[in-house]
PDB file of all heavy atoms in Angstrom:
ATOM      1  N   LEU A   1       0.785  -1.228   0.036  1.00  0.00           N
ATOM      2  CA  LEU A   1      -0.017   0.032   0.006  1.00  0.00           C
ATOM      3  C   LEU A   1       0.868   1.299   0.005  1.00  0.00           C
ATOM      4  O   LEU A   1       0.287   2.372   0.166  1.00  0.00           O
ATOM      5  CB  LEU A   1      -0.924   0.012   1.231  1.00  0.00           C
ATOM      6  CG  LEU A   1      -1.885  -1.173   1.306  1.00  0.00           C
ATOM      7  CD1 LEU A   1      -2.612  -1.182   2.630  1.00  0.00           C
ATOM      8  CD2 LEU A   1      -2.859  -1.156   0.163  1.00  0.00           C
ATOM      9  N   HIS A   2       2.125   1.157  -0.182  1.00  0.00           N
ATOM     10  CA  HIS A   2       2.971   2.342  -0.181  1.00  0.00           C
ATOM     11  C   HIS A   2       2.441   3.348  -1.272  1.00  0.00           C
ATOM     12  O   HIS A   2       2.133   2.993  -2.358  1.00  0.00           O
ATOM     13  CB  HIS A   2       4.435   1.991  -0.568  1.00  0.00           C
ATOM     14  CG  HIS A   2       5.165   1.369   0.546  1.00  0.00           C
ATOM     15  ND1 HIS A   2       5.307   0.010   0.692  1.00  0.00           N
ATOM     16  CD2 HIS A   2       5.840   1.934   1.628  1.00  0.00           C
ATOM     17  CE1 HIS A   2       6.024  -0.283   1.724  1.00  0.00           C
ATOM     18  NE2 HIS A   2       6.364   0.878   2.331  1.00  0.00           N
ATOM     19  N   GLY A   3       2.314   4.582  -0.861  1.00  0.00           N
ATOM     20  CA  GLY A   3       1.882   5.650  -1.792  1.00  0.00           C
ATOM     21  C   GLY A   3       0.379   5.777  -1.896  1.00  0.00           C
ATOM     22  O   GLY A   3      -0.095   6.723  -2.569  1.00  0.00           O
ATOM     23  N   GLU A   4      -0.366   4.895  -1.262  1.00  0.00           N
ATOM     24  CA  GLU A   4      -1.810   4.999  -1.358  1.00  0.00           C
ATOM     25  C   GLU A   4      -2.367   5.950  -0.312  1.00  0.00           C
ATOM     26  O   GLU A   4      -1.775   6.181   0.740  1.00  0.00           O
ATOM     27  CB  GLU A   4      -2.481   3.592  -1.136  1.00  0.00           C
ATOM     28  CG  GLU A   4      -2.085   2.539  -2.140  1.00  0.00           C
ATOM     29  CD  GLU A   4      -2.584   2.872  -3.541  1.00  0.00           C
ATOM     30  OE1 GLU A   4      -3.595   3.634  -3.676  1.00  0.00           O
ATOM     31  OE2 GLU A   4      -2.017   2.332  -4.479  1.00  0.00           O
ATOM     32  N   THR A   5      -3.530   6.505  -0.589  1.00  0.00           N
ATOM     33  CA  THR A   5      -4.252   7.327   0.451  1.00  0.00           C
ATOM     34  C   THR A   5      -4.991   6.344   1.409  1.00  0.00           C
ATOM     35  O   THR A   5      -5.172   5.186   1.090  1.00  0.00           O
ATOM     36  CB  THR A   5      -5.267   8.276  -0.248  1.00  0.00           C
ATOM     37  OG1 THR A   5      -6.268   7.485  -0.833  1.00  0.00           O
ATOM     38  CG2 THR A   5      -4.580   9.173  -1.217  1.00  0.00           C
ATOM     39  N   ARG A   6      -5.456   6.907   2.501  1.00  0.00           N
ATOM     40  CA  ARG A   6      -6.222   6.069   3.418  1.00  0.00           C
ATOM     41  C   ARG A   6      -7.518   5.547   2.746  1.00  0.00           C
ATOM     42  O   ARG A   6      -7.874   4.361   2.941  1.00  0.00           O
ATOM     43  CB  ARG A   6      -6.563   6.840   4.680  1.00  0.00           C
ATOM     44  CG  ARG A   6      -5.359   7.048   5.566  1.00  0.00           C
ATOM     45  CD  ARG A   6      -5.690   7.773   6.824  1.00  0.00           C
ATOM     46  NE  ARG A   6      -5.930   9.184   6.469  1.00  0.00           N
ATOM     47  CZ  ARG A   6      -6.212  10.099   7.362  1.00  0.00           C
ATOM     48  NH1 ARG A   6      -6.407   9.809   8.621  1.00  0.00           N
ATOM     49  NH2 ARG A   6      -6.394  11.358   6.967  1.00  0.00           N
ATOM     50  N   ASP A   7      -8.184   6.354   1.971  1.00  0.00           N
ATOM     51  CA  ASP A   7      -9.403   5.967   1.300  1.00  0.00           C
ATOM     52  C   ASP A   7      -9.123   4.868   0.270  1.00  0.00           C
ATOM     53  O   ASP A   7      -9.852   3.838   0.190  1.00  0.00           O
ATOM     54  CB  ASP A   7     -10.080   7.121   0.616  1.00  0.00           C
ATOM     55  CG  ASP A   7     -10.699   8.075   1.651  1.00  0.00           C
ATOM     56  OD1 ASP A   7     -11.000   7.673   2.768  1.00  0.00           O
ATOM     57  OD2 ASP A   7     -10.854   9.273   1.300  1.00  0.00           O
ATOM     58  N   SER A   8      -8.109   5.036  -0.560  1.00  0.00           N
ATOM     59  CA  SER A   8      -7.818   3.982  -1.584  1.00  0.00           C
ATOM     60  C   SER A   8      -7.312   2.738  -0.901  1.00  0.00           C
ATOM     61  O   SER A   8      -7.668   1.622  -1.365  1.00  0.00           O
ATOM     62  CB  SER A   8      -6.845   4.524  -2.616  1.00  0.00           C
ATOM     63  OG  SER A   8      -5.572   4.772  -2.084  1.00  0.00           O
ATOM     64  N   ALA A   9      -6.566   2.869   0.172  1.00  0.00           N
ATOM     65  CA  ALA A   9      -6.014   1.658   0.870  1.00  0.00           C
ATOM     66  C   ALA A   9      -7.198   0.855   1.430  1.00  0.00           C
ATOM     67  O   ALA A   9      -7.183  -0.367   1.406  1.00  0.00           O
ATOM     68  CB  ALA A   9      -5.017   2.069   1.957  1.00  0.00           C
ATOM     69  N   ARG A  10      -8.182   1.544   1.979  1.00  0.00           N
ATOM     70  CA  ARG A  10      -9.299   0.859   2.579  1.00  0.00           C
ATOM     71  C   ARG A  10     -10.024   0.022   1.522  1.00  0.00           C
ATOM     72  O   ARG A  10     -10.350  -1.150   1.772  1.00  0.00           O
ATOM     73  CB  ARG A  10     -10.297   1.904   3.115  1.00  0.00           C
ATOM     74  CG  ARG A  10     -11.479   1.274   3.861  1.00  0.00           C
ATOM     75  CD  ARG A  10     -12.438   2.369   4.426  1.00  0.00           C
ATOM     76  NE  ARG A  10     -11.798   3.468   5.106  1.00  0.00           N
ATOM     77  CZ  ARG A  10     -11.827   4.733   4.655  1.00  0.00           C
ATOM     78  NH1 ARG A  10     -12.437   4.980   3.521  1.00  0.00           N
ATOM     79  NH2 ARG A  10     -11.202   5.698   5.290  1.00  0.00           N
ATOM     80  N   VAL A  11     -10.237   0.554   0.346  1.00  0.00           N
ATOM     81  CA  VAL A  11     -10.887  -0.178  -0.747  1.00  0.00           C
ATOM     82  C   VAL A  11      -9.978  -1.323  -1.205  1.00  0.00           C
ATOM     83  O   VAL A  11     -10.494  -2.450  -1.403  1.00  0.00           O
ATOM     84  CB  VAL A  11     -11.232   0.779  -1.929  1.00  0.00           C
ATOM     85  CG1 VAL A  11     -11.689   0.017  -3.122  1.00  0.00           C
ATOM     86  CG2 VAL A  11     -12.252   1.814  -1.484  1.00  0.00           C
ATOM     87  N   LEU A  12      -8.745  -1.077  -1.414  1.00  0.00           N
ATOM     88  CA  LEU A  12      -7.799  -2.077  -1.912  1.00  0.00           C
ATOM     89  C   LEU A  12      -7.719  -3.237  -0.940  1.00  0.00           C
ATOM     90  O   LEU A  12      -7.698  -4.392  -1.307  1.00  0.00           O
ATOM     91  CB  LEU A  12      -6.429  -1.493  -2.126  1.00  0.00           C
ATOM     92  CG  LEU A  12      -6.310  -0.544  -3.342  1.00  0.00           C
ATOM     93  CD1 LEU A  12      -4.988   0.177  -3.327  1.00  0.00           C
ATOM     94  CD2 LEU A  12      -6.525  -1.224  -4.621  1.00  0.00           C
ATOM     95  N   VAL A  13      -7.636  -2.963   0.367  1.00  0.00           N
ATOM     96  CA  VAL A  13      -7.530  -4.031   1.375  1.00  0.00           C
ATOM     97  C   VAL A  13      -8.813  -4.848   1.391  1.00  0.00           C
ATOM     98  O   VAL A  13      -8.775  -6.078   1.464  1.00  0.00           O
ATOM     99  CB  VAL A  13      -7.205  -3.443   2.718  1.00  0.00           C
ATOM    100  CG1 VAL A  13      -7.396  -4.459   3.835  1.00  0.00           C
ATOM    101  CG2 VAL A  13      -5.801  -2.892   2.782  1.00  0.00           C
ATOM    102  N   MET A  14      -9.961  -4.198   1.329  1.00  0.00           N
ATOM    103  CA  MET A  14     -11.210  -4.962   1.345  1.00  0.00           C
ATOM    104  C   MET A  14     -11.300  -5.865   0.092  1.00  0.00           C
ATOM    105  O   MET A  14     -11.678  -7.073   0.255  1.00  0.00           O
ATOM    106  CB  MET A  14     -12.406  -3.978   1.337  1.00  0.00           C
ATOM    107  CG  MET A  14     -12.591  -3.274   2.662  1.00  0.00           C
ATOM    108  SD  MET A  14     -12.811  -4.371   4.075  1.00  0.00           S
ATOM    109  CE  MET A  14     -14.317  -5.157   3.616  1.00  0.00           C
ATOM    110  N   GLU A  15     -10.947  -5.404  -1.039  1.00  0.00           N
ATOM    111  CA  GLU A  15     -10.944  -6.224  -2.259  1.00  0.00           C
ATOM    112  C   GLU A  15      -9.956  -7.350  -2.145  1.00  0.00           C
ATOM    113  O   GLU A  15     -10.226  -8.475  -2.514  1.00  0.00           O
ATOM    114  CB  GLU A  15     -10.599  -5.380  -3.492  1.00  0.00           C
ATOM    115  CG  GLU A  15     -11.718  -4.401  -3.889  1.00  0.00           C
ATOM    116  CD  GLU A  15     -11.307  -3.456  -5.003  1.00  0.00           C
ATOM    117  OE1 GLU A  15     -10.109  -3.485  -5.451  1.00  0.00           O
ATOM    118  OE2 GLU A  15     -12.157  -2.697  -5.463  1.00  0.00           O
ATOM    119  N   PHE A  16      -8.740  -7.069  -1.615  1.00  0.00           N
ATOM    120  CA  PHE A  16      -7.708  -8.062  -1.401  1.00  0.00           C
ATOM    121  C   PHE A  16      -8.222  -9.166  -0.455  1.00  0.00           C
ATOM    122  O   PHE A  16      -8.034 -10.340  -0.690  1.00  0.00           O
ATOM    123  CB  PHE A  16      -6.448  -7.388  -0.880  1.00  0.00           C
ATOM    124  CG  PHE A  16      -5.321  -8.310  -0.659  1.00  0.00           C
ATOM    125  CD1 PHE A  16      -4.667  -8.924  -1.685  1.00  0.00           C
ATOM    126  CD2 PHE A  16      -4.855  -8.463   0.628  1.00  0.00           C
ATOM    127  CE1 PHE A  16      -3.583  -9.795  -1.471  1.00  0.00           C
ATOM    128  CE2 PHE A  16      -3.774  -9.354   0.882  1.00  0.00           C
ATOM    129  CZ  PHE A  16      -3.138  -9.984  -0.154  1.00  0.00           C
ATOM    130  N   ILE A  17      -8.792  -8.765   0.641  1.00  0.00           N
ATOM    131  CA  ILE A  17      -9.311  -9.748   1.614  1.00  0.00           C
ATOM    132  C   ILE A  17     -10.445 -10.612   0.976  1.00  0.00           C
ATOM    133  O   ILE A  17     -10.434 -11.851   1.098  1.00  0.00           O
ATOM    134  CB  ILE A  17      -9.811  -9.079   2.876  1.00  0.00           C
ATOM    135  CG1 ILE A  17      -8.632  -8.518   3.643  1.00  0.00           C
ATOM    136  CG2 ILE A  17     -10.636 -10.019   3.763  1.00  0.00           C
ATOM    137  CD1 ILE A  17      -9.016  -7.631   4.811  1.00  0.00           C
ATOM    138  N   ASN A  18     -11.345  -9.957   0.263  1.00  0.00           N
ATOM    139  CA  ASN A  18     -12.442 -10.708  -0.386  1.00  0.00           C
ATOM    140  C   ASN A  18     -11.912 -11.661  -1.435  1.00  0.00           C
ATOM    141  O   ASN A  18     -12.385 -12.816  -1.521  1.00  0.00           O
ATOM    142  CB  ASN A  18     -13.400  -9.746  -1.011  1.00  0.00           C
ATOM    143  CG  ASN A  18     -14.248  -8.969  -0.010  1.00  0.00           C
ATOM    144  OD1 ASN A  18     -14.456  -9.472   1.101  1.00  0.00           O
ATOM    145  ND2 ASN A  18     -14.779  -7.858  -0.388  1.00  0.00           N
ATOM    146  N   ASP A  19     -10.887 -11.300  -2.177  1.00  0.00           N
ATOM    147  CA  ASP A  19     -10.296 -12.174  -3.181  1.00  0.00           C
ATOM    148  C   ASP A  19      -9.609 -13.388  -2.537  1.00  0.00           C
ATOM    149  O   ASP A  19      -9.606 -14.433  -3.140  1.00  0.00           O
ATOM    150  CB  ASP A  19      -9.288 -11.408  -4.069  1.00  0.00           C
ATOM    151  CG  ASP A  19      -9.939 -10.359  -4.998  1.00  0.00           C
ATOM    152  OD1 ASP A  19     -11.185 -10.434  -5.120  1.00  0.00           O
ATOM    153  OD2 ASP A  19      -9.188  -9.510  -5.539  1.00  0.00           O
ATOM    154  N   ASN A  20      -9.041 -13.198  -1.393  1.00  0.00           N
ATOM    155  CA  ASN A  20      -8.249 -14.283  -0.813  1.00  0.00           C
ATOM    156  C   ASN A  20      -8.963 -15.046   0.278  1.00  0.00           C
ATOM    157  O   ASN A  20      -8.538 -16.087   0.689  1.00  0.00           O
ATOM    158  CB  ASN A  20      -6.918 -13.716  -0.234  1.00  0.00           C
ATOM    159  CG  ASN A  20      -5.967 -13.385  -1.289  1.00  0.00           C
ATOM    160  OD1 ASN A  20      -5.355 -14.233  -1.920  1.00  0.00           O
ATOM    161  ND2 ASN A  20      -5.882 -12.069  -1.622  1.00  0.00           N
ATOM    162  N   LYS A  21     -10.132 -14.565   0.711  1.00  0.00           N
ATOM    163  CA  LYS A  21     -10.875 -15.263   1.739  1.00  0.00           C
ATOM    164  C   LYS A  21     -11.360 -16.615   1.269  1.00  0.00           C
ATOM    165  O   LYS A  21     -11.349 -17.544   2.022  1.00  0.00           O
ATOM    166  CB  LYS A  21     -12.116 -14.342   2.163  1.00  0.00           C
ATOM    167  CG  LYS A  21     -12.903 -14.990   3.278  1.00  0.00           C
ATOM    168  CD  LYS A  21     -12.057 -15.168   4.533  1.00  0.00           C
ATOM    169  CE  LYS A  21     -12.956 -15.824   5.658  1.00  0.00           C
ATOM    170  NZ  LYS A  21     -12.122 -16.243   6.781  1.00  0.00           N
ATOM    171  N   LEU A  22     -11.726 -16.725   0.044  1.00  0.00           N
ATOM    172  CA  LEU A  22     -12.219 -17.999  -0.498  1.00  0.00           C
ATOM    173  C   LEU A  22     -11.116 -19.071  -0.450  1.00  0.00           C
ATOM    174  O   LEU A  22     -11.396 -20.244  -0.293  1.00  0.00           O
ATOM    175  CB  LEU A  22     -12.747 -17.827  -1.894  1.00  0.00           C
ATOM    176  CG  LEU A  22     -13.976 -16.956  -2.056  1.00  0.00           C
ATOM    177  CD1 LEU A  22     -14.292 -16.841  -3.532  1.00  0.00           C
ATOM    178  CD2 LEU A  22     -15.136 -17.516  -1.269  1.00  0.00           C
ATOM    179  N   LYS A  23      -9.898 -18.626  -0.553  1.00  0.00           N
ATOM    180  CA  LYS A  23      -8.749 -19.583  -0.528  1.00  0.00           C
ATOM    181  C   LYS A  23      -8.375 -19.901   0.931  1.00  0.00           C
ATOM    182  O   LYS A  23      -7.590 -20.824   1.123  1.00  0.00           O
ATOM    183  CB  LYS A  23      -7.542 -18.906  -1.209  1.00  0.00           C
ATOM    184  CG  LYS A  23      -7.821 -18.579  -2.661  1.00  0.00           C
ATOM    185  CD  LYS A  23      -6.663 -17.797  -3.192  1.00  0.00           C
ATOM    186  CE  LYS A  23      -7.023 -17.187  -4.531  1.00  0.00           C
ATOM    187  NZ  LYS A  23      -6.012 -16.253  -5.019  1.00  0.00           N
ATOM    188  N   ASN A  24      -8.941 -19.231   1.892  1.00  0.00           N
ATOM    189  CA  ASN A  24      -8.690 -19.371   3.309  1.00  0.00           C
ATOM    190  C   ASN A  24      -7.188 -19.387   3.640  1.00  0.00           C
ATOM    191  O   ASN A  24      -6.630 -20.204   4.302  1.00  0.00           O
ATOM    192  CB  ASN A  24      -9.281 -20.694   3.806  1.00  0.00           C
ATOM    193  CG  ASN A  24      -9.536 -20.692   5.299  1.00  0.00           C
ATOM    194  OD1 ASN A  24      -9.597 -19.665   5.902  1.00  0.00           O
ATOM    195  ND2 ASN A  24      -9.603 -21.896   5.859  1.00  0.00           N
ATOM    196  N   GLU A  25      -6.485 -18.439   3.046  1.00  0.00           N
ATOM    197  CA  GLU A  25      -5.046 -18.291   3.166  1.00  0.00           C
ATOM    198  C   GLU A  25      -4.692 -17.137   4.090  1.00  0.00           C
ATOM    199  O   GLU A  25      -5.449 -16.186   4.220  1.00  0.00           O
ATOM    200  CB  GLU A  25      -4.377 -18.115   1.838  1.00  0.00           C
ATOM    201  CG  GLU A  25      -4.473 -19.238   0.899  1.00  0.00           C
ATOM    202  CD  GLU A  25      -3.685 -18.982  -0.355  1.00  0.00           C
ATOM    203  OE1 GLU A  25      -2.942 -17.982  -0.439  1.00  0.00           O
ATOM    204  OE2 GLU A  25      -3.823 -19.823  -1.291  1.00  0.00           O
ATOM    205  N   LYS A  26      -3.488 -17.225   4.617  1.00  0.00           N
ATOM    206  CA  LYS A  26      -2.923 -16.065   5.313  1.00  0.00           C
ATOM    207  C   LYS A  26      -2.512 -15.086   4.196  1.00  0.00           C
ATOM    208  O   LYS A  26      -2.157 -15.479   3.092  1.00  0.00           O
ATOM    209  CB  LYS A  26      -1.680 -16.448   6.088  1.00  0.00           C
ATOM    210  CG  LYS A  26      -2.013 -17.319   7.274  1.00  0.00           C
ATOM    211  CD  LYS A  26      -0.742 -17.658   8.033  1.00  0.00           C
ATOM    212  CE  LYS A  26      -1.072 -18.567   9.189  1.00  0.00           C
ATOM    213  NZ  LYS A  26       0.138 -18.905   9.882  1.00  0.00           N
ATOM    214  N   VAL A  27      -2.499 -13.807   4.514  1.00  0.00           N
ATOM    215  CA  VAL A  27      -2.094 -12.775   3.553  1.00  0.00           C
ATOM    216  C   VAL A  27      -1.130 -11.799   4.233  1.00  0.00           C
ATOM    217  O   VAL A  27      -1.104 -11.752   5.464  1.00  0.00           O
ATOM    218  CB  VAL A  27      -3.309 -12.023   2.941  1.00  0.00           C
ATOM    219  CG1 VAL A  27      -4.177 -12.933   2.136  1.00  0.00           C
ATOM    220  CG2 VAL A  27      -4.100 -11.285   4.037  1.00  0.00           C
ATOM    221  N   LEU A  28      -0.437 -11.047   3.484  1.00  0.00           N
ATOM    222  CA  LEU A  28       0.479 -10.055   3.942  1.00  0.00           C
ATOM    223  C   LEU A  28       0.075  -8.729   3.413  1.00  0.00           C
ATOM    224  O   LEU A  28      -0.064  -8.512   2.203  1.00  0.00           O
ATOM    225  CB  LEU A  28       1.936 -10.381   3.494  1.00  0.00           C
ATOM    226  CG  LEU A  28       3.034  -9.425   3.880  1.00  0.00           C
ATOM    227  CD1 LEU A  28       3.198  -9.317   5.412  1.00  0.00           C
ATOM    228  CD2 LEU A  28       4.316  -9.840   3.226  1.00  0.00           C
ATOM    229  N   ILE A  29      -0.138  -7.738   4.330  1.00  0.00           N
ATOM    230  CA  ILE A  29      -0.513  -6.362   3.964  1.00  0.00           C
ATOM    231  C   ILE A  29       0.669  -5.498   4.390  1.00  0.00           C
ATOM    232  O   ILE A  29       0.993  -5.357   5.556  1.00  0.00           O
ATOM    233  CB  ILE A  29      -1.795  -5.907   4.652  1.00  0.00           C
ATOM    234  CG1 ILE A  29      -2.968  -6.855   4.204  1.00  0.00           C
ATOM    235  CG2 ILE A  29      -2.103  -4.454   4.291  1.00  0.00           C
ATOM    236  CD1 ILE A  29      -4.200  -6.615   4.945  1.00  0.00           C
ATOM    237  N   ILE A  30       1.242  -4.828   3.387  1.00  0.00           N
ATOM    238  CA  ILE A  30       2.409  -3.969   3.632  1.00  0.00           C
ATOM    239  C   ILE A  30       1.931  -2.523   3.578  1.00  0.00           C
ATOM    240  O   ILE A  30       1.421  -2.098   2.531  1.00  0.00           O
ATOM    241  CB  ILE A  30       3.526  -4.189   2.533  1.00  0.00           C
ATOM    242  CG1 ILE A  30       3.904  -5.657   2.574  1.00  0.00           C
ATOM    243  CG2 ILE A  30       4.727  -3.278   2.777  1.00  0.00           C
ATOM    244  CD1 ILE A  30       4.692  -6.097   1.335  1.00  0.00           C
ATOM    245  N   HIS A  31       2.081  -1.799   4.688  1.00  0.00           N
ATOM    246  CA  HIS A  31       1.547  -0.464   4.729  1.00  0.00           C
ATOM    247  C   HIS A  31       2.610   0.579   4.942  1.00  0.00           C
ATOM    248  O   HIS A  31       2.339   1.761   4.811  1.00  0.00           O
ATOM    249  CB  HIS A  31       0.492  -0.303   5.834  1.00  0.00           C
ATOM    250  CG  HIS A  31       0.962  -0.821   7.165  1.00  0.00           C
ATOM    251  ND1 HIS A  31       1.958  -0.323   7.900  1.00  0.00           N
ATOM    252  CD2 HIS A  31       0.443  -1.862   7.884  1.00  0.00           C
ATOM    253  CE1 HIS A  31       2.111  -0.989   9.023  1.00  0.00           C
ATOM    254  NE2 HIS A  31       1.179  -1.934   9.027  1.00  0.00           N
ATOM    255  N   GLY A  32       3.858   0.197   5.201  1.00  0.00           N
ATOM    256  CA  GLY A  32       4.936   1.149   5.428  1.00  0.00           C
ATOM    257  C   GLY A  32       4.909   1.813   6.766  1.00  0.00           C
ATOM    258  O   GLY A  32       4.127   1.409   7.624  1.00  0.00           O
ATOM    259  N   ILE A  33       5.741   2.785   6.974  1.00  0.00           N
ATOM    260  CA  ILE A  33       5.869   3.387   8.293  1.00  0.00           C
ATOM    261  C   ILE A  33       5.307   4.823   8.185  1.00  0.00           C
ATOM    262  O   ILE A  33       4.292   5.133   8.627  1.00  0.00           O
ATOM    263  CB  ILE A  33       7.333   3.321   8.794  1.00  0.00           C
ATOM    264  CG1 ILE A  33       7.800   1.901   8.908  1.00  0.00           C
ATOM    265  CG2 ILE A  33       7.431   4.057  10.123  1.00  0.00           C
ATOM    266  CD1 ILE A  33       9.251   1.740   9.248  1.00  0.00           C
TER     267      ILE A  33
END
């Protein structure tokens, strides 16, 4: 998520979780410092 705004990150994370939830996998979310 480097370079994303809070609003765009919120949408991207939700889509990412939804895409990977069906696979029941662990995921890695990189947000920076």
